[in-house]
Amino acid sequence: MAMLDAVTLIALILAVARVTRLIVDDKIGLPFRQWVLRKSGEDGWFFYLVSCPWCMGVWVAAAMTTTTYLWHSSIWATVLTLFAVAQVASTILTMTPTIVVKKDE
């Protein structure tokens, strides 16, 4: 099995982090998490899976790493790059202090 080149590996790591957060934490993933909650209940293993970043991260990594090995295409490279850039941007934004604009009274 061939090793991934460094750039692809870094993009894959960042993309996995972003997709995992998208599923587990982000508001856009809330309807999916609520659907899983209704289907499996609060104590269900599937709800635990989609609400645990460590658990979901393993499965996202497995799926995305397998796809990266099997599907060498510019489309997949673009998808990885998109999520990797989004992860870096969100990390920068969470580390940057928010600017508050006050109205003159």
N, C-alpha and C. Protein backbone atom coordinates (compact mmCIF):
# COMPACT_ATOMS: atom_id res chain seq x y z
N MET A 1 0.85 -1.18 0.00
CA MET A 1 0.00 0.00 0.00
C MET A 1 0.90 1.24 0.00
N ALA A 2 0.66 2.14 -0.89
CA ALA A 2 1.47 3.35 -1.00
C ALA A 2 1.13 4.33 0.11
N MET A 3 2.15 5.03 0.56
CA MET A 3 1.94 6.08 1.57
C MET A 3 1.36 7.31 0.91
N LEU A 4 0.62 8.07 1.68
CA LEU A 4 0.11 9.34 1.19
C LEU A 4 1.23 10.36 1.20
N ASP A 5 1.24 11.26 0.23
CA ASP A 5 2.22 12.33 0.28
C ASP A 5 1.84 13.29 1.41
N ALA A 6 2.79 14.08 1.87
CA ALA A 6 2.59 14.93 3.05
C ALA A 6 1.44 15.92 2.88
N VAL A 7 1.32 16.51 1.72
CA VAL A 7 0.26 17.50 1.49
C VAL A 7 -1.11 16.85 1.57
N THR A 8 -1.24 15.69 0.95
CA THR A 8 -2.52 14.97 0.99
C THR A 8 -2.85 14.55 2.42
N LEU A 9 -1.84 14.07 3.15
CA LEU A 9 -2.06 13.65 4.52
C LEU A 9 -2.52 14.82 5.40
N ILE A 10 -1.88 15.96 5.26
CA ILE A 10 -2.28 17.13 6.05
C ILE A 10 -3.69 17.56 5.67
N ALA A 11 -3.99 17.60 4.37
CA ALA A 11 -5.34 17.96 3.93
C ALA A 11 -6.36 16.97 4.47
N LEU A 12 -6.03 15.69 4.46
CA LEU A 12 -6.93 14.65 4.97
C LEU A 12 -7.18 14.83 6.45
N ILE A 13 -6.15 15.08 7.23
CA ILE A 13 -6.30 15.27 8.67
C ILE A 13 -7.22 16.46 8.95
N LEU A 14 -6.97 17.56 8.29
CA LEU A 14 -7.80 18.76 8.51
C LEU A 14 -9.23 18.53 8.04
N ALA A 15 -9.39 17.83 6.92
CA ALA A 15 -10.74 17.57 6.40
C ALA A 15 -11.52 16.65 7.34
N VAL A 16 -10.86 15.65 7.89
CA VAL A 16 -11.52 14.76 8.85
C VAL A 16 -11.98 15.55 10.07
N ALA A 17 -11.11 16.44 10.56
CA ALA A 17 -11.48 17.26 11.71
C ALA A 17 -12.71 18.12 11.40
N ARG A 18 -12.75 18.70 10.22
CA ARG A 18 -13.87 19.58 9.85
C ARG A 18 -15.16 18.80 9.70
N VAL A 19 -15.12 17.68 9.00
CA VAL A 19 -16.33 16.88 8.79
C VAL A 19 -16.84 16.33 10.11
N THR A 20 -15.93 15.90 10.98
CA THR A 20 -16.33 15.41 12.29
C THR A 20 -17.05 16.50 13.08
N ARG A 21 -16.49 17.69 13.08
CA ARG A 21 -17.13 18.79 13.80
C ARG A 21 -18.47 19.15 13.17
N LEU A 22 -18.54 19.09 11.85
CA LEU A 22 -19.79 19.36 11.15
C LEU A 22 -20.90 18.44 11.62
N ILE A 23 -20.58 17.17 11.79
CA ILE A 23 -21.58 16.18 12.23
C ILE A 23 -21.90 16.32 13.71
N VAL A 24 -20.88 16.47 14.55
CA VAL A 24 -21.04 16.37 16.00
C VAL A 24 -21.44 17.69 16.65
N ASP A 25 -20.91 18.81 16.18
CA ASP A 25 -21.08 20.07 16.91
C ASP A 25 -21.85 21.17 16.18
N ASP A 26 -21.71 21.25 14.88
CA ASP A 26 -22.24 22.40 14.17
C ASP A 26 -23.76 22.40 14.07
N LYS A 27 -24.30 23.59 14.00
CA LYS A 27 -25.76 23.76 13.93
C LYS A 27 -26.34 23.08 12.69
N ILE A 28 -25.59 23.06 11.60
CA ILE A 28 -26.10 22.45 10.37
C ILE A 28 -26.31 20.94 10.54
N GLY A 29 -25.58 20.32 11.45
CA GLY A 29 -25.75 18.90 11.71
C GLY A 29 -26.83 18.59 12.73
N LEU A 30 -27.41 19.62 13.34
CA LEU A 30 -28.42 19.43 14.39
C LEU A 30 -29.62 18.61 13.93
N PRO A 31 -30.21 18.87 12.76
CA PRO A 31 -31.35 18.05 12.34
C PRO A 31 -31.00 16.55 12.26
N PHE A 32 -29.81 16.24 11.79
CA PHE A 32 -29.38 14.84 11.72
C PHE A 32 -29.25 14.25 13.13
N ARG A 33 -28.62 14.99 14.05
CA ARG A 33 -28.48 14.50 15.43
C ARG A 33 -29.84 14.33 16.09
N GLN A 34 -30.77 15.25 15.83
CA GLN A 34 -32.12 15.13 16.40
C GLN A 34 -32.85 13.92 15.84
N TRP A 35 -32.68 13.66 14.55
CA TRP A 35 -33.30 12.49 13.92
C TRP A 35 -32.75 11.22 14.58
N VAL A 36 -31.41 11.16 14.76
CA VAL A 36 -30.80 10.00 15.40
C VAL A 36 -31.31 9.85 16.83
N LEU A 37 -31.46 10.96 17.54
CA LEU A 37 -31.97 10.93 18.91
C LEU A 37 -33.38 10.34 18.94
N ARG A 38 -34.24 10.76 18.01
CA ARG A 38 -35.60 10.22 17.97
C ARG A 38 -35.60 8.73 17.66
N LYS A 39 -34.70 8.29 16.79
CA LYS A 39 -34.67 6.88 16.38
C LYS A 39 -34.03 5.97 17.42
N SER A 40 -32.93 6.43 18.05
CA SER A 40 -32.21 5.52 18.94
C SER A 40 -32.37 5.84 20.42
N GLY A 41 -32.91 7.02 20.73
CA GLY A 41 -33.04 7.42 22.13
C GLY A 41 -31.74 7.97 22.67
N GLU A 42 -31.86 8.64 23.81
CA GLU A 42 -30.70 9.31 24.40
C GLU A 42 -29.61 8.33 24.82
N ASP A 43 -30.00 7.11 25.17
CA ASP A 43 -29.03 6.10 25.60
C ASP A 43 -28.60 5.18 24.47
N GLY A 44 -29.08 5.43 23.26
CA GLY A 44 -28.73 4.58 22.13
C GLY A 44 -27.28 4.75 21.69
N TRP A 45 -26.69 3.68 21.20
CA TRP A 45 -25.29 3.72 20.80
C TRP A 45 -25.08 4.63 19.59
N PHE A 46 -26.07 4.68 18.68
CA PHE A 46 -25.90 5.52 17.48
C PHE A 46 -25.95 6.99 17.85
N PHE A 47 -26.80 7.37 18.80
CA PHE A 47 -26.81 8.76 19.24
C PHE A 47 -25.49 9.11 19.92
N TYR A 48 -24.98 8.17 20.71
CA TYR A 48 -23.68 8.39 21.35
C TYR A 48 -22.61 8.60 20.28
N LEU A 49 -22.66 7.80 19.22
CA LEU A 49 -21.68 7.90 18.13
C LEU A 49 -21.70 9.28 17.48
N VAL A 50 -22.89 9.79 17.16
CA VAL A 50 -22.96 11.07 16.45
C VAL A 50 -22.81 12.27 17.37
N SER A 51 -22.75 12.05 18.67
CA SER A 51 -22.55 13.17 19.59
C SER A 51 -21.17 13.13 20.26
N CYS A 52 -20.36 12.15 19.93
CA CYS A 52 -19.02 12.01 20.51
C CYS A 52 -17.97 12.27 19.42
N PRO A 53 -17.21 13.37 19.54
CA PRO A 53 -16.24 13.67 18.49
C PRO A 53 -15.14 12.62 18.36
N TRP A 54 -14.77 11.99 19.46
CA TRP A 54 -13.72 10.97 19.40
C TRP A 54 -14.24 9.75 18.64
N CYS A 55 -15.47 9.35 18.91
CA CYS A 55 -16.06 8.18 18.25
C CYS A 55 -16.32 8.46 16.77
N MET A 56 -16.98 9.56 16.49
CA MET A 56 -17.32 9.89 15.12
C MET A 56 -16.06 10.15 14.30
N GLY A 57 -15.05 10.73 14.93
CA GLY A 57 -13.80 11.01 14.23
C GLY A 57 -13.14 9.76 13.67
N VAL A 58 -13.23 8.66 14.39
CA VAL A 58 -12.65 7.40 13.92
C VAL A 58 -13.34 6.96 12.63
N TRP A 59 -14.67 7.03 12.63
CA TRP A 59 -15.43 6.57 11.46
C TRP A 59 -15.29 7.51 10.28
N VAL A 60 -15.26 8.80 10.55
CA VAL A 60 -15.04 9.76 9.46
C VAL A 60 -13.65 9.55 8.88
N ALA A 61 -12.66 9.37 9.74
CA ALA A 61 -11.29 9.13 9.27
C ALA A 61 -11.22 7.85 8.45
N ALA A 62 -11.89 6.80 8.90
CA ALA A 62 -11.88 5.54 8.15
C ALA A 62 -12.48 5.73 6.76
N ALA A 63 -13.60 6.39 6.70
CA ALA A 63 -14.27 6.58 5.40
C ALA A 63 -13.46 7.49 4.48
N MET A 64 -12.96 8.59 5.02
CA MET A 64 -12.24 9.54 4.17
C MET A 64 -10.85 9.02 3.77
N THR A 65 -10.20 8.28 4.65
CA THR A 65 -8.89 7.71 4.30
C THR A 65 -9.05 6.63 3.24
N THR A 66 -10.05 5.79 3.39
CA THR A 66 -10.32 4.76 2.39
C THR A 66 -10.63 5.39 1.04
N THR A 67 -11.48 6.40 1.06
CA THR A 67 -11.82 7.10 -0.19
C THR A 67 -10.59 7.72 -0.82
N THR A 68 -9.71 8.30 0.01
CA THR A 68 -8.49 8.92 -0.51
C THR A 68 -7.59 7.88 -1.17
N TYR A 69 -7.47 6.70 -0.58
CA TYR A 69 -6.65 5.64 -1.17
C TYR A 69 -7.24 5.09 -2.45
N LEU A 70 -8.56 4.95 -2.48
CA LEU A 70 -9.20 4.28 -3.61
C LEU A 70 -9.58 5.21 -4.76
N TRP A 71 -9.80 6.48 -4.47
CA TRP A 71 -10.33 7.37 -5.49
C TRP A 71 -9.39 8.55 -5.70
N HIS A 72 -8.44 8.35 -6.58
CA HIS A 72 -7.48 9.40 -6.89
C HIS A 72 -8.04 10.27 -8.02
N SER A 73 -8.72 11.32 -7.66
CA SER A 73 -9.30 12.19 -8.68
C SER A 73 -9.19 13.63 -8.24
N SER A 74 -9.28 14.52 -9.19
CA SER A 74 -9.22 15.94 -8.86
C SER A 74 -10.47 16.38 -8.10
N ILE A 75 -11.58 15.68 -8.30
CA ILE A 75 -12.80 16.01 -7.57
C ILE A 75 -12.60 15.74 -6.08
N TRP A 76 -12.05 14.56 -5.75
CA TRP A 76 -11.82 14.21 -4.34
C TRP A 76 -10.77 15.14 -3.73
N ALA A 77 -9.74 15.47 -4.49
CA ALA A 77 -8.72 16.40 -4.00
C ALA A 77 -9.35 17.75 -3.69
N THR A 78 -10.28 18.16 -4.51
CA THR A 78 -10.98 19.43 -4.28
C THR A 78 -11.83 19.36 -3.02
N VAL A 79 -12.52 18.25 -2.80
CA VAL A 79 -13.33 18.07 -1.59
C VAL A 79 -12.44 18.12 -0.34
N LEU A 80 -11.32 17.39 -0.37
CA LEU A 80 -10.39 17.42 0.76
C LEU A 80 -9.89 18.83 1.02
N THR A 81 -9.51 19.52 -0.05
CA THR A 81 -9.00 20.88 0.09
C THR A 81 -10.06 21.81 0.67
N LEU A 82 -11.27 21.69 0.21
CA LEU A 82 -12.36 22.52 0.71
C LEU A 82 -12.52 22.37 2.21
N PHE A 83 -12.62 21.13 2.68
CA PHE A 83 -12.80 20.90 4.12
C PHE A 83 -11.55 21.27 4.92
N ALA A 84 -10.36 21.06 4.34
CA ALA A 84 -9.13 21.42 5.03
C ALA A 84 -9.03 22.93 5.22
N VAL A 85 -9.33 23.67 4.18
CA VAL A 85 -9.30 25.14 4.27
C VAL A 85 -10.35 25.63 5.25
N ALA A 86 -11.53 25.03 5.23
CA ALA A 86 -12.59 25.42 6.17
C ALA A 86 -12.16 25.16 7.61
N GLN A 87 -11.45 24.05 7.85
CA GLN A 87 -10.98 23.75 9.21
C GLN A 87 -9.94 24.77 9.66
N VAL A 88 -8.99 25.09 8.80
CA VAL A 88 -7.97 26.08 9.16
C VAL A 88 -8.62 27.44 9.42
N ALA A 89 -9.55 27.82 8.55
CA ALA A 89 -10.23 29.10 8.73
C ALA A 89 -11.02 29.14 10.03
N SER A 90 -11.74 28.08 10.35
CA SER A 90 -12.53 28.08 11.59
C SER A 90 -11.62 28.09 12.82
N THR A 91 -10.48 27.43 12.73
CA THR A 91 -9.53 27.45 13.84
C THR A 91 -8.99 28.86 14.05
N ILE A 92 -8.63 29.51 12.97
CA ILE A 92 -8.14 30.89 13.06
C ILE A 92 -9.22 31.80 13.65
N LEU A 93 -10.45 31.63 13.18
CA LEU A 93 -11.54 32.48 13.66
C LEU A 93 -11.83 32.27 15.14
N THR A 94 -11.71 31.04 15.62
CA THR A 94 -11.98 30.79 17.04
C THR A 94 -10.84 31.29 17.92
N MET A 95 -9.66 31.46 17.36
CA MET A 95 -8.52 31.96 18.12
C MET A 95 -8.42 33.48 18.08
N THR A 96 -9.14 34.10 17.16
CA THR A 96 -9.06 35.55 16.98
C THR A 96 -10.12 36.22 17.85
N PRO A 97 -9.73 37.25 18.60
CA PRO A 97 -10.74 37.95 19.40
C PRO A 97 -11.80 38.60 18.50
N THR A 98 -13.01 38.61 19.00
CA THR A 98 -14.12 39.21 18.27
C THR A 98 -14.08 40.72 18.43
N ILE A 99 -14.30 41.42 17.35
CA ILE A 99 -14.35 42.88 17.38
C ILE A 99 -15.79 43.28 17.66
N VAL A 100 -15.98 44.08 18.69
CA VAL A 100 -17.30 44.55 19.05
C VAL A 100 -17.38 46.02 18.68
N VAL A 101 -18.39 46.35 17.92
CA VAL A 101 -18.60 47.74 17.51
C VAL A 101 -19.70 48.32 18.41
N LYS A 102 -19.36 49.40 19.08
CA LYS A 102 -20.34 50.04 19.98
C LYS A 102 -20.92 51.25 19.27
N LYS A 103 -22.23 51.43 19.46
CA LYS A 103 -22.90 52.60 18.90
C LYS A 103 -22.66 53.81 19.79
N ASP A 104 -22.52 54.94 19.14
CA ASP A 104 -22.42 56.19 19.90
C ASP A 104 -23.80 56.51 20.47
N GLU A 105 -23.81 56.89 21.71
CA GLU A 105 -25.11 57.21 22.33
C GLU A 105 -25.22 58.68 22.57
